[in-house]
Amino acid sequence: MEILWKTLTWILSFIMASSEFHSDHRLSYSSQEEFLTYLEHYQLTIPIRVDQNGAFLSFTVKNDKHSRRRRSMDPIDPQQAVSKLFFKLSAYGKHFHLNLTLNTDFVSKHFTVEYWGKDGPQWKHDFLDNCHYTGYLQDQRSTTKVALSNCVGLHGVIATEDEEYFIEPLKNTTEDSKHFSYENGHPHVIYKKSALQQRHLYDHSHCGVSDFTRSGKPWWLNDTSTFSYSLPINNTHNHHRQKRSVSIERFVETLVVADKMMVGYHGRKDIEHYILSVMNIVRLPNFTVIPA
């Protein structure tokens, strides 16, 4: 039976408990600056917004429409949510022309964000910012995949035939920076997945279960090549013609939890955007994210 994975229901619960966690369960890095010291190599780039032909439009790449809506009630406002975006950036001797489309089927009408404290739920909301996009590199639709969010800058992945590039806004930059100024664009960090150092081996001593928390890498960058995925195969030997199944739309309900350390790393202001950016990447075909 053919399964259509179209609409996902994300229930995001942010655990703000005050209790301490064991060191193995903490984020590997306390800041972006510390994480960058871990990379073998990365580059800084300033993406720009362009039109379909690549002509410059603006240095502003983040979502400035403030098109937050109540997911359970309000439809997308075409005047606020930009359904099509084009960006350009250069890195590693290559020029990337991004062709992006607003991901309107990202979450369902039941989307909810909950904030929890040590005594239980504190508050919740069902608002969603329309800033999550998927697409491809211009003129390379069949060989490239892109998943980016521009809620606070470009955050996501650019996958080509040869390499996967991760991009995120550079934090803690100021207008008097020696290298960049916001008048000339917002600097972003871009790095290759292959540039990550393999400092720690997986621990296979726990009853055959791989321990991803000790890999020393951010959880979304763990190597998935050792995992095999298979779908059930109908091995029936009945050669009689069978009635064809009707396609049925299916739904996946997902609970994503951000602990105190993750909230501390990204900040309460940006944690929702960050998690949804990661989940936007997960929806790319053949792109798997394994949490630690």
C-alpha atoms as a PDB file:
ATOM      1  CA  MET A   1       0.000   0.000   0.000  1.00  0.00           C
ATOM      2  CA  GLU A   2       1.356   3.334  -1.001  1.00  0.00           C
ATOM      3  CA  ILE A   3       1.806   5.725   1.895  1.00  0.00           C
ATOM      4  CA  LEU A   4       1.782   9.473   1.433  1.00  0.00           C
ATOM      5  CA  TRP A   5       3.722  11.363   4.086  1.00  0.00           C
ATOM      6  CA  LYS A   6       2.434  14.850   3.535  1.00  0.00           C
ATOM      7  CA  THR A   7       1.416  16.507   6.771  1.00  0.00           C
ATOM      8  CA  LEU A   8       3.310  16.177  10.016  1.00  0.00           C
ATOM      9  CA  THR A   9       2.078  17.041  13.449  1.00  0.00           C
ATOM     10  CA  TRP A  10       4.814  18.375  15.663  1.00  0.00           C
ATOM     11  CA  ILE A  11       4.235  18.749  19.377  1.00  0.00           C
ATOM     12  CA  LEU A  12       7.237  20.552  20.773  1.00  0.00           C
ATOM     13  CA  SER A  13       7.761  20.346  24.508  1.00  0.00           C
ATOM     14  CA  PHE A  14      10.507  22.506  25.949  1.00  0.00           C
ATOM     15  CA  ILE A  15      11.703  21.113  29.254  1.00  0.00           C
ATOM     16  CA  MET A  16      12.877  23.974  31.445  1.00  0.00           C
ATOM     17  CA  ALA A  17      13.439  21.928  34.609  1.00  0.00           C
ATOM     18  CA  SER A  18      16.036  23.297  36.982  1.00  0.00           C
ATOM     19  CA  SER A  19      17.586  19.923  37.809  1.00  0.00           C
ATOM     20  CA  GLU A  20      21.125  19.199  36.636  1.00  0.00           C
ATOM     21  CA  PHE A  21      21.841  16.564  34.010  1.00  0.00           C
ATOM     22  CA  HIS A  22      24.654  14.045  33.855  1.00  0.00           C
ATOM     23  CA  SER A  23      27.571  15.314  31.782  1.00  0.00           C
ATOM     24  CA  ASP A  24      27.019  12.670  29.093  1.00  0.00           C
ATOM     25  CA  HIS A  25      23.589  14.154  28.437  1.00  0.00           C
ATOM     26  CA  ARG A  26      24.723  17.764  28.096  1.00  0.00           C
ATOM     27  CA  LEU A  27      25.236  19.476  24.790  1.00  0.00           C
ATOM     28  CA  SER A  28      28.776  18.991  23.622  1.00  0.00           C
ATOM     29  CA  TYR A  29      29.296  22.739  23.279  1.00  0.00           C
ATOM     30  CA  SER A  30      28.100  25.695  25.275  1.00  0.00           C
ATOM     31  CA  SER A  31      28.260  28.221  22.438  1.00  0.00           C
ATOM     32  CA  GLN A  32      28.624  28.562  18.700  1.00  0.00           C
ATOM     33  CA  GLU A  33      32.122  29.918  19.187  1.00  0.00           C
ATOM     34  CA  GLU A  34      33.157  26.757  21.014  1.00  0.00           C
ATOM     35  CA  PHE A  35      31.577  24.566  18.344  1.00  0.00           C
ATOM     36  CA  LEU A  36      33.501  26.345  15.584  1.00  0.00           C
ATOM     37  CA  THR A  37      36.783  25.457  17.276  1.00  0.00           C
ATOM     38  CA  TYR A  38      35.771  21.827  16.834  1.00  0.00           C
ATOM     39  CA  LEU A  39      35.415  22.040  13.070  1.00  0.00           C
ATOM     40  CA  GLU A  40      38.375  21.174  10.904  1.00  0.00           C
ATOM     41  CA  HIS A  41      37.393  23.969   8.558  1.00  0.00           C
ATOM     42  CA  TYR A  42      34.590  26.415   7.962  1.00  0.00           C
ATOM     43  CA  GLN A  43      34.040  29.606   6.008  1.00  0.00           C
ATOM     44  CA  LEU A  44      32.132  32.829   6.498  1.00  0.00           C
ATOM     45  CA  THR A  45      29.803  33.981   3.781  1.00  0.00           C
ATOM     46  CA  ILE A  46      27.222  36.711   3.311  1.00  0.00           C
ATOM     47  CA  PRO A  47      24.105  35.436   1.553  1.00  0.00           C
ATOM     48  CA  ILE A  48      21.988  37.877  -0.403  1.00  0.00           C
ATOM     49  CA  ARG A  49      18.430  37.801  -1.608  1.00  0.00           C
ATOM     50  CA  VAL A  50      18.103  37.762  -5.387  1.00  0.00           C
ATOM     51  CA  ASP A  51      15.437  37.218  -7.998  1.00  0.00           C
ATOM     52  CA  GLN A  52      14.961  34.156 -10.158  1.00  0.00           C
ATOM     53  CA  ASN A  53      17.648  35.344 -12.564  1.00  0.00           C
ATOM     54  CA  GLY A  54      20.140  36.017  -9.791  1.00  0.00           C
ATOM     55  CA  ALA A  55      19.849  39.807  -9.773  1.00  0.00           C
ATOM     56  CA  PHE A  56      20.515  41.422  -6.389  1.00  0.00           C
ATOM     57  CA  LEU A  57      17.487  42.469  -4.345  1.00  0.00           C
ATOM     58  CA  SER A  58      18.586  42.891  -0.739  1.00  0.00           C
ATOM     59  CA  PHE A  59      21.093  41.994   1.965  1.00  0.00           C
ATOM     60  CA  THR A  60      18.162  41.094   4.201  1.00  0.00           C
ATOM     61  CA  VAL A  61      17.765  37.337   4.218  1.00  0.00           C
ATOM     62  CA  LYS A  62      15.833  36.809   7.440  1.00  0.00           C
ATOM     63  CA  ASN A  63      12.069  36.791   7.565  1.00  0.00           C
ATOM     64  CA  ASP A  64      11.013  40.407   8.115  1.00  0.00           C
ATOM     65  CA  LYS A  65       7.299  39.953   7.475  1.00  0.00           C
ATOM     66  CA  HIS A  66       6.500  38.705  10.994  1.00  0.00           C
ATOM     67  CA  SER A  67       3.949  36.355   9.453  1.00  0.00           C
ATOM     68  CA  ARG A  68       3.211  34.412  12.609  1.00  0.00           C
ATOM     69  CA  ARG A  69      -0.206  32.864  12.560  1.00  0.00           C
ATOM     70  CA  ARG A  70      -2.301  30.619  14.756  1.00  0.00           C
ATOM     71  CA  ARG A  71      -1.799  27.316  12.990  1.00  0.00           C
ATOM     72  CA  SER A  72      -5.105  25.780  14.064  1.00  0.00           C
ATOM     73  CA  MET A  73      -7.230  28.608  12.675  1.00  0.00           C
ATOM     74  CA  ASP A  74      -5.638  31.046  10.275  1.00  0.00           C
ATOM     75  CA  PRO A  75      -4.715  30.303   6.650  1.00  0.00           C
ATOM     76  CA  ILE A  76      -1.462  31.561   5.189  1.00  0.00           C
ATOM     77  CA  ASP A  77      -1.631  35.240   4.284  1.00  0.00           C
ATOM     78  CA  PRO A  78      -0.063  35.557   0.810  1.00  0.00           C
ATOM     79  CA  GLN A  79       0.704  39.206   1.535  1.00  0.00           C
ATOM     80  CA  GLN A  80       2.839  38.242   4.535  1.00  0.00           C
ATOM     81  CA  ALA A  81       4.271  34.827   3.767  1.00  0.00           C
ATOM     82  CA  VAL A  82       6.581  34.895   0.742  1.00  0.00           C
ATOM     83  CA  SER A  83       5.865  31.652  -1.073  1.00  0.00           C
ATOM     84  CA  LYS A  84       8.979  31.793  -3.264  1.00  0.00           C
ATOM     85  CA  LEU A  85      12.462  32.998  -2.332  1.00  0.00           C
ATOM     86  CA  PHE A  86      15.828  33.069  -4.084  1.00  0.00           C
ATOM     87  CA  PHE A  87      19.197  33.528  -2.397  1.00  0.00           C
ATOM     88  CA  LYS A  88      22.808  33.549  -3.491  1.00  0.00           C
ATOM     89  CA  LEU A  89      25.938  32.781  -1.521  1.00  0.00           C
ATOM     90  CA  SER A  90      29.515  31.796  -2.250  1.00  0.00           C
ATOM     91  CA  ALA A  91      31.678  29.327  -0.349  1.00  0.00           C
ATOM     92  CA  TYR A  92      34.427  26.804  -1.016  1.00  0.00           C
ATOM     93  CA  GLY A  93      34.992  28.228  -4.469  1.00  0.00           C
ATOM     94  CA  LYS A  94      31.394  27.628  -5.512  1.00  0.00           C
ATOM     95  CA  HIS A  95      28.397  29.861  -6.113  1.00  0.00           C
ATOM     96  CA  PHE A  96      25.045  28.675  -4.819  1.00  0.00           C
ATOM     97  CA  HIS A  97      21.795  30.037  -6.266  1.00  0.00           C
ATOM     98  CA  LEU A  98      18.999  28.758  -4.017  1.00  0.00           C
ATOM     99  CA  ASN A  99      15.472  28.258  -5.310  1.00  0.00           C
ATOM    100  CA  LEU A 100      13.154  27.887  -2.302  1.00  0.00           C
ATOM    101  CA  THR A 101       9.437  27.328  -1.814  1.00  0.00           C
ATOM    102  CA  LEU A 102       7.524  27.899   1.417  1.00  0.00           C
ATOM    103  CA  ASN A 103       6.867  24.612   3.186  1.00  0.00           C
ATOM    104  CA  THR A 104       3.119  24.941   3.695  1.00  0.00           C
ATOM    105  CA  ASP A 105       2.634  21.300   4.730  1.00  0.00           C
ATOM    106  CA  PHE A 106       5.264  21.421   7.440  1.00  0.00           C
ATOM    107  CA  VAL A 107       2.925  21.035  10.408  1.00  0.00           C
ATOM    108  CA  SER A 108      -0.747  20.292  10.850  1.00  0.00           C
ATOM    109  CA  LYS A 109      -3.479  22.352  12.432  1.00  0.00           C
ATOM    110  CA  HIS A 110      -2.848  20.516  15.706  1.00  0.00           C
ATOM    111  CA  PHE A 111       0.654  21.960  16.086  1.00  0.00           C
ATOM    112  CA  THR A 112       1.369  22.939  19.706  1.00  0.00           C
ATOM    113  CA  VAL A 113       4.357  24.297  21.607  1.00  0.00           C
ATOM    114  CA  GLU A 114       4.485  23.669  25.343  1.00  0.00           C
ATOM    115  CA  TYR A 115       6.869  25.130  27.899  1.00  0.00           C
ATOM    116  CA  TRP A 116       7.428  22.996  30.985  1.00  0.00           C
ATOM    117  CA  GLY A 117       8.989  23.849  34.318  1.00  0.00           C
ATOM    118  CA  LYS A 118       9.942  21.622  37.219  1.00  0.00           C
ATOM    119  CA  ASP A 119       6.332  21.685  38.432  1.00  0.00           C
ATOM    120  CA  GLY A 120       4.822  20.797  35.075  1.00  0.00           C
ATOM    121  CA  PRO A 121       3.390  22.760  32.129  1.00  0.00           C
ATOM    122  CA  GLN A 122       3.764  26.535  32.347  1.00  0.00           C
ATOM    123  CA  TRP A 123       2.147  27.732  29.132  1.00  0.00           C
ATOM    124  CA  LYS A 124       1.598  26.752  25.527  1.00  0.00           C
ATOM    125  CA  HIS A 125       0.732  28.277  22.169  1.00  0.00           C
ATOM    126  CA  ASP A 126      -0.062  27.211  18.619  1.00  0.00           C
ATOM    127  CA  PHE A 127       1.543  30.023  16.653  1.00  0.00           C
ATOM    128  CA  LEU A 128       3.858  29.264  13.752  1.00  0.00           C
ATOM    129  CA  ASP A 129       6.228  31.517  11.841  1.00  0.00           C
ATOM    130  CA  ASN A 130       6.068  31.064   8.080  1.00  0.00           C
ATOM    131  CA  CYS A 131       9.813  30.909   7.528  1.00  0.00           C
ATOM    132  CA  HIS A 132      10.591  27.296   6.629  1.00  0.00           C
ATOM    133  CA  TYR A 133      11.483  26.488   3.019  1.00  0.00           C
ATOM    134  CA  THR A 134      12.621  23.587   0.874  1.00  0.00           C
ATOM    135  CA  GLY A 135      13.966  23.568  -2.644  1.00  0.00           C
ATOM    136  CA  TYR A 136      17.068  23.061  -4.747  1.00  0.00           C
ATOM    137  CA  LEU A 137      19.924  24.841  -6.464  1.00  0.00           C
ATOM    138  CA  GLN A 138      18.825  26.728  -9.543  1.00  0.00           C
ATOM    139  CA  ASP A 139      19.067  24.580 -12.695  1.00  0.00           C
ATOM    140  CA  GLN A 140      20.024  21.542 -10.567  1.00  0.00           C
ATOM    141  CA  ARG A 141      16.625  20.381  -9.400  1.00  0.00           C
ATOM    142  CA  SER A 142      17.189  16.660  -9.896  1.00  0.00           C
ATOM    143  CA  THR A 143      20.613  16.507  -8.249  1.00  0.00           C
ATOM    144  CA  THR A 144      20.387  18.873  -5.274  1.00  0.00           C
ATOM    145  CA  LYS A 145      18.221  19.362  -2.198  1.00  0.00           C
ATOM    146  CA  VAL A 146      17.925  22.386   0.066  1.00  0.00           C
ATOM    147  CA  ALA A 147      16.103  22.851   3.369  1.00  0.00           C
ATOM    148  CA  LEU A 148      16.474  26.295   4.926  1.00  0.00           C
ATOM    149  CA  SER A 149      14.656  28.439   7.440  1.00  0.00           C
ATOM    150  CA  ASN A 150      15.033  32.205   7.365  1.00  0.00           C
ATOM    151  CA  CYS A 151      13.348  32.971  10.686  1.00  0.00           C
ATOM    152  CA  VAL A 152      16.462  34.726  12.036  1.00  0.00           C
ATOM    153  CA  GLY A 153      18.800  34.190   9.095  1.00  0.00           C
ATOM    154  CA  LEU A 154      19.518  31.209   6.864  1.00  0.00           C
ATOM    155  CA  HIS A 155      19.691  28.008   8.878  1.00  0.00           C
ATOM    156  CA  GLY A 156      19.714  24.583   7.271  1.00  0.00           C
ATOM    157  CA  VAL A 157      21.404  22.317   4.767  1.00  0.00           C
ATOM    158  CA  ILE A 158      22.415  22.421   1.106  1.00  0.00           C
ATOM    159  CA  ALA A 159      22.915  18.931  -0.310  1.00  0.00           C
ATOM    160  CA  THR A 160      24.674  18.436  -3.637  1.00  0.00           C
ATOM    161  CA  GLU A 161      25.910  15.318  -5.417  1.00  0.00           C
ATOM    162  CA  ASP A 162      29.365  15.756  -3.913  1.00  0.00           C
ATOM    163  CA  GLU A 163      28.847  17.288  -0.484  1.00  0.00           C
ATOM    164  CA  GLU A 164      26.427  18.420   2.196  1.00  0.00           C
ATOM    165  CA  TYR A 165      26.837  21.964   3.493  1.00  0.00           C
ATOM    166  CA  PHE A 166      25.399  23.255   6.743  1.00  0.00           C
ATOM    167  CA  ILE A 167      24.758  26.956   7.150  1.00  0.00           C
ATOM    168  CA  GLU A 168      23.717  29.075  10.122  1.00  0.00           C
ATOM    169  CA  PRO A 169      23.864  32.762  11.074  1.00  0.00           C
ATOM    170  CA  LEU A 170      27.038  33.882  12.807  1.00  0.00           C
ATOM    171  CA  LYS A 171      26.182  34.929  16.342  1.00  0.00           C
ATOM    172  CA  ASN A 172      27.589  37.765  18.433  1.00  0.00           C
ATOM    173  CA  THR A 173      28.744  39.877  15.499  1.00  0.00           C
ATOM    174  CA  THR A 174      28.709  43.645  15.786  1.00  0.00           C
ATOM    175  CA  GLU A 175      28.527  46.516  13.380  1.00  0.00           C
ATOM    176  CA  ASP A 176      32.127  47.493  14.132  1.00  0.00           C
ATOM    177  CA  SER A 177      33.433  44.073  13.137  1.00  0.00           C
ATOM    178  CA  LYS A 178      36.674  44.216  11.182  1.00  0.00           C
ATOM    179  CA  HIS A 179      35.296  41.896   8.543  1.00  0.00           C
ATOM    180  CA  PHE A 180      31.557  42.419   8.292  1.00  0.00           C
ATOM    181  CA  SER A 181      28.865  44.961   8.916  1.00  0.00           C
ATOM    182  CA  TYR A 182      25.129  44.451   8.922  1.00  0.00           C
ATOM    183  CA  GLU A 183      24.804  47.247   6.376  1.00  0.00           C
ATOM    184  CA  ASN A 184      26.518  44.897   3.952  1.00  0.00           C
ATOM    185  CA  GLY A 185      24.710  41.761   5.041  1.00  0.00           C
ATOM    186  CA  HIS A 186      24.651  39.296   7.908  1.00  0.00           C
ATOM    187  CA  PRO A 187      27.650  36.930   8.024  1.00  0.00           C
ATOM    188  CA  HIS A 188      26.845  33.234   8.122  1.00  0.00           C
ATOM    189  CA  VAL A 189      28.935  30.190   8.976  1.00  0.00           C
ATOM    190  CA  ILE A 190      29.031  27.447   6.357  1.00  0.00           C
ATOM    191  CA  TYR A 191      30.834  24.144   6.723  1.00  0.00           C
ATOM    192  CA  LYS A 192      30.960  20.740   5.096  1.00  0.00           C
ATOM    193  CA  LYS A 193      29.694  17.663   6.835  1.00  0.00           C
ATOM    194  CA  SER A 194      32.929  15.960   5.798  1.00  0.00           C
ATOM    195  CA  ALA A 195      34.898  18.586   7.721  1.00  0.00           C
ATOM    196  CA  LEU A 196      33.732  17.289  11.066  1.00  0.00           C
ATOM    197  CA  GLN A 197      36.389  15.634  13.131  1.00  0.00           C
ATOM    198  CA  GLN A 198      35.773  12.076  14.345  1.00  0.00           C
ATOM    199  CA  ARG A 199      37.246  12.591  17.805  1.00  0.00           C
ATOM    200  CA  HIS A 200      35.331   9.864  19.573  1.00  0.00           C
ATOM    201  CA  LEU A 201      34.293   6.384  18.516  1.00  0.00           C
ATOM    202  CA  TYR A 202      30.814   5.113  19.157  1.00  0.00           C
ATOM    203  CA  ASP A 203      30.494   3.095  22.328  1.00  0.00           C
ATOM    204  CA  HIS A 204      29.156  -0.351  21.451  1.00  0.00           C
ATOM    205  CA  SER A 205      29.428  -1.809  24.934  1.00  0.00           C
ATOM    206  CA  HIS A 206      25.861  -1.160  26.046  1.00  0.00           C
ATOM    207  CA  CYS A 207      23.988  -4.339  25.121  1.00  0.00           C
ATOM    208  CA  GLY A 208      24.493  -3.778  21.423  1.00  0.00           C
ATOM    209  CA  VAL A 209      22.964  -0.295  21.454  1.00  0.00           C
ATOM    210  CA  SER A 210      25.090   2.440  19.901  1.00  0.00           C
ATOM    211  CA  ASP A 211      25.777   5.383  22.208  1.00  0.00           C
ATOM    212  CA  PHE A 212      25.472   8.554  20.166  1.00  0.00           C
ATOM    213  CA  THR A 213      25.912  10.894  23.110  1.00  0.00           C
ATOM    214  CA  ARG A 214      29.648  10.279  23.237  1.00  0.00           C
ATOM    215  CA  SER A 215      30.450  10.990  19.631  1.00  0.00           C
ATOM    216  CA  GLY A 216      31.449  14.548  20.504  1.00  0.00           C
ATOM    217  CA  LYS A 217      29.356  15.945  17.646  1.00  0.00           C
ATOM    218  CA  PRO A 218      26.082  17.814  17.559  1.00  0.00           C
ATOM    219  CA  TRP A 219      23.389  15.133  17.388  1.00  0.00           C
ATOM    220  CA  TRP A 220      22.060  16.168  13.990  1.00  0.00           C
ATOM    221  CA  LEU A 221      25.439  15.480  12.358  1.00  0.00           C
ATOM    222  CA  ASN A 222      25.879  11.864  13.419  1.00  0.00           C
ATOM    223  CA  ASP A 223      26.795   9.503  10.603  1.00  0.00           C
ATOM    224  CA  THR A 224      23.832   7.407   9.501  1.00  0.00           C
ATOM    225  CA  SER A 225      25.712   5.187   7.069  1.00  0.00           C
ATOM    226  CA  THR A 226      25.858   2.304   9.581  1.00  0.00           C
ATOM    227  CA  PHE A 227      22.088   2.113   9.740  1.00  0.00           C
ATOM    228  CA  SER A 228      20.031   0.106   7.312  1.00  0.00           C
ATOM    229  CA  TYR A 229      16.437   0.882   6.627  1.00  0.00           C
ATOM    230  CA  SER A 230      14.036  -1.452   4.875  1.00  0.00           C
ATOM    231  CA  LEU A 231      10.364  -1.556   4.103  1.00  0.00           C
ATOM    232  CA  PRO A 232       8.233  -4.693   4.426  1.00  0.00           C
ATOM    233  CA  ILE A 233       8.234  -6.679   1.205  1.00  0.00           C
ATOM    234  CA  ASN A 234       5.296  -8.694   0.055  1.00  0.00           C
ATOM    235  CA  ASN A 235       6.800 -12.142  -0.593  1.00  0.00           C
ATOM    236  CA  THR A 236       3.556 -13.748  -1.667  1.00  0.00           C
ATOM    237  CA  HIS A 237       3.869 -16.332  -4.413  1.00  0.00           C
ATOM    238  CA  ASN A 238       0.279 -15.941  -5.494  1.00  0.00           C
ATOM    239  CA  HIS A 239       0.464 -14.938  -9.137  1.00  0.00           C
ATOM    240  CA  HIS A 240      -3.214 -14.146  -9.396  1.00  0.00           C
ATOM    241  CA  ARG A 241      -4.045 -10.542 -10.090  1.00  0.00           C
ATOM    242  CA  GLN A 242      -4.802  -8.713  -6.863  1.00  0.00           C
ATOM    243  CA  LYS A 243      -6.892  -5.665  -6.204  1.00  0.00           C
ATOM    244  CA  ARG A 244      -4.722  -2.561  -6.159  1.00  0.00           C
ATOM    245  CA  SER A 245      -4.609  -0.662  -2.890  1.00  0.00           C
ATOM    246  CA  VAL A 246      -5.923   2.858  -2.778  1.00  0.00           C
ATOM    247  CA  SER A 247      -3.456   5.523  -1.688  1.00  0.00           C
ATOM    248  CA  ILE A 248      -4.173   6.706   1.822  1.00  0.00           C
ATOM    249  CA  GLU A 249      -2.831   9.877   3.325  1.00  0.00           C
ATOM    250  CA  ARG A 250      -1.024   9.128   6.574  1.00  0.00           C
ATOM    251  CA  PHE A 251       0.093  11.349   9.426  1.00  0.00           C
ATOM    252  CA  VAL A 252       3.088  11.261  11.720  1.00  0.00           C
ATOM    253  CA  GLU A 253       2.734  12.735  15.185  1.00  0.00           C
ATOM    254  CA  THR A 254       6.127  13.662  16.595  1.00  0.00           C
ATOM    255  CA  LEU A 255       7.142  14.773  20.064  1.00  0.00           C
ATOM    256  CA  VAL A 256      10.355  16.823  20.113  1.00  0.00           C
ATOM    257  CA  VAL A 257      11.852  17.732  23.475  1.00  0.00           C
ATOM    258  CA  ALA A 258      14.478  20.408  24.091  1.00  0.00           C
ATOM    259  CA  ASP A 259      16.163  20.083  27.466  1.00  0.00           C
ATOM    260  CA  LYS A 260      17.607  22.835  29.631  1.00  0.00           C
ATOM    261  CA  MET A 261      21.053  22.662  28.042  1.00  0.00           C
ATOM    262  CA  MET A 262      19.744  22.990  24.501  1.00  0.00           C
ATOM    263  CA  VAL A 263      17.621  25.960  25.492  1.00  0.00           C
ATOM    264  CA  GLY A 264      20.680  27.453  27.178  1.00  0.00           C
ATOM    265  CA  TYR A 265      22.769  27.043  24.022  1.00  0.00           C
ATOM    266  CA  HIS A 266      20.295  28.579  21.594  1.00  0.00           C
ATOM    267  CA  GLY A 267      18.423  30.874  23.947  1.00  0.00           C
ATOM    268  CA  ARG A 268      14.746  30.811  24.723  1.00  0.00           C
ATOM    269  CA  LYS A 269      14.135  33.387  22.010  1.00  0.00           C
ATOM    270  CA  ASP A 270      15.464  31.202  19.188  1.00  0.00           C
ATOM    271  CA  ILE A 271      14.914  27.636  20.404  1.00  0.00           C
ATOM    272  CA  GLU A 272      11.582  27.184  18.617  1.00  0.00           C
ATOM    273  CA  HIS A 273      13.025  28.385  15.311  1.00  0.00           C
ATOM    274  CA  TYR A 274      16.043  26.120  15.734  1.00  0.00           C
ATOM    275  CA  ILE A 275      14.088  22.938  16.390  1.00  0.00           C
ATOM    276  CA  LEU A 276      11.670  23.573  13.557  1.00  0.00           C
ATOM    277  CA  SER A 277      14.643  24.271  11.279  1.00  0.00           C
ATOM    278  CA  VAL A 278      16.047  20.843  12.145  1.00  0.00           C
ATOM    279  CA  MET A 279      12.689  19.166  11.565  1.00  0.00           C
ATOM    280  CA  ASN A 280      12.455  20.960   8.228  1.00  0.00           C
ATOM    281  CA  ILE A 281      15.748  19.300   7.277  1.00  0.00           C
ATOM    282  CA  VAL A 282      14.413  15.905   8.349  1.00  0.00           C
ATOM    283  CA  ARG A 283      11.632  16.153   5.773  1.00  0.00           C
ATOM    284  CA  LEU A 284      14.126  16.187   2.911  1.00  0.00           C
ATOM    285  CA  PRO A 285      13.872  12.979   0.870  1.00  0.00           C
ATOM    286  CA  ASN A 286      16.666  10.519   1.718  1.00  0.00           C
ATOM    287  CA  PHE A 287      18.093  12.813   4.370  1.00  0.00           C
ATOM    288  CA  THR A 288      18.106  11.224   7.802  1.00  0.00           C
ATOM    289  CA  VAL A 289      18.750  12.891  11.136  1.00  0.00           C
ATOM    290  CA  ILE A 290      19.533  10.627  14.071  1.00  0.00           C
ATOM    291  CA  PRO A 291      19.219  12.257  17.516  1.00  0.00           C
ATOM    292  CA  ALA A 292      21.816  11.406  20.122  1.00  0.00           C
END
